[in-house]
Amino acid sequence: MVAADGRLIVDEGRRLPGRGAWLHPVPDCLAKAERRRAFPRALRVTGSLDAQGVHERLEHSPKAKGAGTSPVPDGIRKQVDPS
């Protein structure tokens, strides 16, 4: 994600100029980032950013369909070595 002209833009190719931020392709992660006002802080911009294009993209994304609240599917979480 990058900020341009007061809007959030998805930068899949990671080639657009400016500071970038990562986001899981899950609508819940986008909602949480917006509630926490994470994008202006991460991208170092003042004011709010329009994320309507990102919302639309996630709604039509095959990765986001049927996704739960966790970006990592059940059973695929890493195990931590207790030693």
C-alpha atoms as a PDB file:
ATOM      1  CA  MET A   1       0.000   0.000   0.000  1.00  0.00           C
ATOM      2  CA  VAL A   2       1.151   3.516  -0.775  1.00  0.00           C
ATOM      3  CA  ALA A   3      -0.475   6.918  -0.353  1.00  0.00           C
ATOM      4  CA  ALA A   4      -1.066   9.090  -3.421  1.00  0.00           C
ATOM      5  CA  ASP A   5      -3.290  12.167  -3.648  1.00  0.00           C
ATOM      6  CA  GLY A   6      -5.022  11.373  -0.347  1.00  0.00           C
ATOM      7  CA  ARG A   7      -5.896   7.812  -1.383  1.00  0.00           C
ATOM      8  CA  LEU A   8      -4.557   4.381  -0.483  1.00  0.00           C
ATOM      9  CA  ILE A   9      -3.336   2.455  -3.507  1.00  0.00           C
ATOM     10  CA  VAL A  10      -2.518  -1.258  -3.645  1.00  0.00           C
ATOM     11  CA  ASP A  11       1.023  -1.678  -4.969  1.00  0.00           C
ATOM     12  CA  GLU A  12       1.268  -5.382  -5.774  1.00  0.00           C
ATOM     13  CA  GLY A  13       4.398  -4.922  -7.871  1.00  0.00           C
ATOM     14  CA  ARG A  14       6.060  -2.934  -5.058  1.00  0.00           C
ATOM     15  CA  ARG A  15       7.267  -0.381  -7.608  1.00  0.00           C
ATOM     16  CA  LEU A  16       5.291   2.778  -6.852  1.00  0.00           C
ATOM     17  CA  PRO A  17       7.261   5.652  -5.320  1.00  0.00           C
ATOM     18  CA  GLY A  18       6.884   6.610  -1.686  1.00  0.00           C
ATOM     19  CA  ARG A  19       6.736   4.894   1.649  1.00  0.00           C
ATOM     20  CA  GLY A  20       4.843   1.602   1.687  1.00  0.00           C
ATOM     21  CA  ALA A  21       2.828  -0.413   4.187  1.00  0.00           C
ATOM     22  CA  TRP A  22       1.801  -4.085   4.271  1.00  0.00           C
ATOM     23  CA  LEU A  23      -1.702  -5.430   4.752  1.00  0.00           C
ATOM     24  CA  HIS A  24      -3.091  -8.969   4.799  1.00  0.00           C
ATOM     25  CA  PRO A  25      -5.608  -9.425   1.967  1.00  0.00           C
ATOM     26  CA  VAL A  26      -8.421  -9.877   4.494  1.00  0.00           C
ATOM     27  CA  PRO A  27     -11.234  -7.343   5.001  1.00  0.00           C
ATOM     28  CA  ASP A  28     -10.964  -7.704   8.795  1.00  0.00           C
ATOM     29  CA  CYS A  29      -7.321  -6.595   8.722  1.00  0.00           C
ATOM     30  CA  LEU A  30      -8.232  -3.524   6.682  1.00  0.00           C
ATOM     31  CA  ALA A  31     -11.026  -2.629   9.102  1.00  0.00           C
ATOM     32  CA  LYS A  32      -8.714  -3.008  12.080  1.00  0.00           C
ATOM     33  CA  ALA A  33      -5.998  -0.870  10.453  1.00  0.00           C
ATOM     34  CA  GLU A  34      -8.554   1.856   9.742  1.00  0.00           C
ATOM     35  CA  ARG A  35      -9.906   1.776  13.310  1.00  0.00           C
ATOM     36  CA  ARG A  36      -6.379   2.151  14.657  1.00  0.00           C
ATOM     37  CA  ARG A  37      -5.530   4.885  12.112  1.00  0.00           C
ATOM     38  CA  ALA A  38      -2.504   2.829  11.112  1.00  0.00           C
ATOM     39  CA  PHE A  39      -2.158   3.958   7.487  1.00  0.00           C
ATOM     40  CA  PRO A  40      -1.449   7.671   8.015  1.00  0.00           C
ATOM     41  CA  ARG A  41       1.006   6.759  10.756  1.00  0.00           C
ATOM     42  CA  ALA A  42       2.773   4.020   8.779  1.00  0.00           C
ATOM     43  CA  LEU A  43       2.899   6.034   5.568  1.00  0.00           C
ATOM     44  CA  ARG A  44       3.823   9.248   7.407  1.00  0.00           C
ATOM     45  CA  VAL A  45       1.076  11.399   5.948  1.00  0.00           C
ATOM     46  CA  THR A  46      -1.129  13.929   7.690  1.00  0.00           C
ATOM     47  CA  GLY A  47      -4.892  13.625   7.691  1.00  0.00           C
ATOM     48  CA  SER A  48      -7.009  10.668   6.679  1.00  0.00           C
ATOM     49  CA  LEU A  49      -6.678   8.533   3.563  1.00  0.00           C
ATOM     50  CA  ASP A  50      -9.483   7.328   1.296  1.00  0.00           C
ATOM     51  CA  ALA A  51      -9.451   3.526   1.311  1.00  0.00           C
ATOM     52  CA  GLN A  52     -12.550   2.956  -0.843  1.00  0.00           C
ATOM     53  CA  GLY A  53     -10.502   1.458  -3.694  1.00  0.00           C
ATOM     54  CA  VAL A  54      -8.837  -0.978  -1.304  1.00  0.00           C
ATOM     55  CA  HIS A  55     -12.225  -2.012   0.108  1.00  0.00           C
ATOM     56  CA  GLU A  56     -13.537  -2.707  -3.387  1.00  0.00           C
ATOM     57  CA  ARG A  57     -10.421  -4.641  -4.333  1.00  0.00           C
ATOM     58  CA  LEU A  58     -10.637  -6.854  -1.230  1.00  0.00           C
ATOM     59  CA  GLU A  59     -14.339  -7.537  -1.846  1.00  0.00           C
ATOM     60  CA  HIS A  60     -13.519  -8.910  -5.303  1.00  0.00           C
ATOM     61  CA  SER A  61     -10.291 -10.665  -4.334  1.00  0.00           C
ATOM     62  CA  PRO A  62     -10.347 -14.482  -4.447  1.00  0.00           C
ATOM     63  CA  LYS A  63      -7.976 -14.558  -1.457  1.00  0.00           C
ATOM     64  CA  ALA A  64     -10.417 -12.610   0.701  1.00  0.00           C
ATOM     65  CA  LYS A  65     -13.470 -14.735  -0.084  1.00  0.00           C
ATOM     66  CA  GLY A  66     -14.351 -17.018   2.778  1.00  0.00           C
ATOM     67  CA  ALA A  67     -11.518 -15.665   4.900  1.00  0.00           C
ATOM     68  CA  GLY A  68     -12.007 -15.635   8.633  1.00  0.00           C
ATOM     69  CA  THR A  69     -10.596 -13.226  11.149  1.00  0.00           C
ATOM     70  CA  SER A  70      -7.157 -14.810  11.067  1.00  0.00           C
ATOM     71  CA  PRO A  71      -4.804 -14.177   8.134  1.00  0.00           C
ATOM     72  CA  VAL A  72      -3.246 -17.619   8.757  1.00  0.00           C
ATOM     73  CA  PRO A  73      -5.525 -20.640   8.188  1.00  0.00           C
ATOM     74  CA  ASP A  74      -6.079 -22.988  11.119  1.00  0.00           C
ATOM     75  CA  GLY A  75      -3.523 -25.769  11.386  1.00  0.00           C
ATOM     76  CA  ILE A  76      -0.769 -23.848   9.617  1.00  0.00           C
ATOM     77  CA  ARG A  77       0.464 -21.795  12.555  1.00  0.00           C
ATOM     78  CA  LYS A  78       4.130 -22.099  13.433  1.00  0.00           C
ATOM     79  CA  GLN A  79       5.077 -24.020  16.538  1.00  0.00           C
ATOM     80  CA  VAL A  80       7.478 -22.327  18.922  1.00  0.00           C
ATOM     81  CA  ASP A  81      10.279 -24.420  20.400  1.00  0.00           C
ATOM     82  CA  PRO A  82       9.794 -24.280  24.203  1.00  0.00           C
ATOM     83  CA  SER A  83      13.479 -24.835  24.961  1.00  0.00           C
END
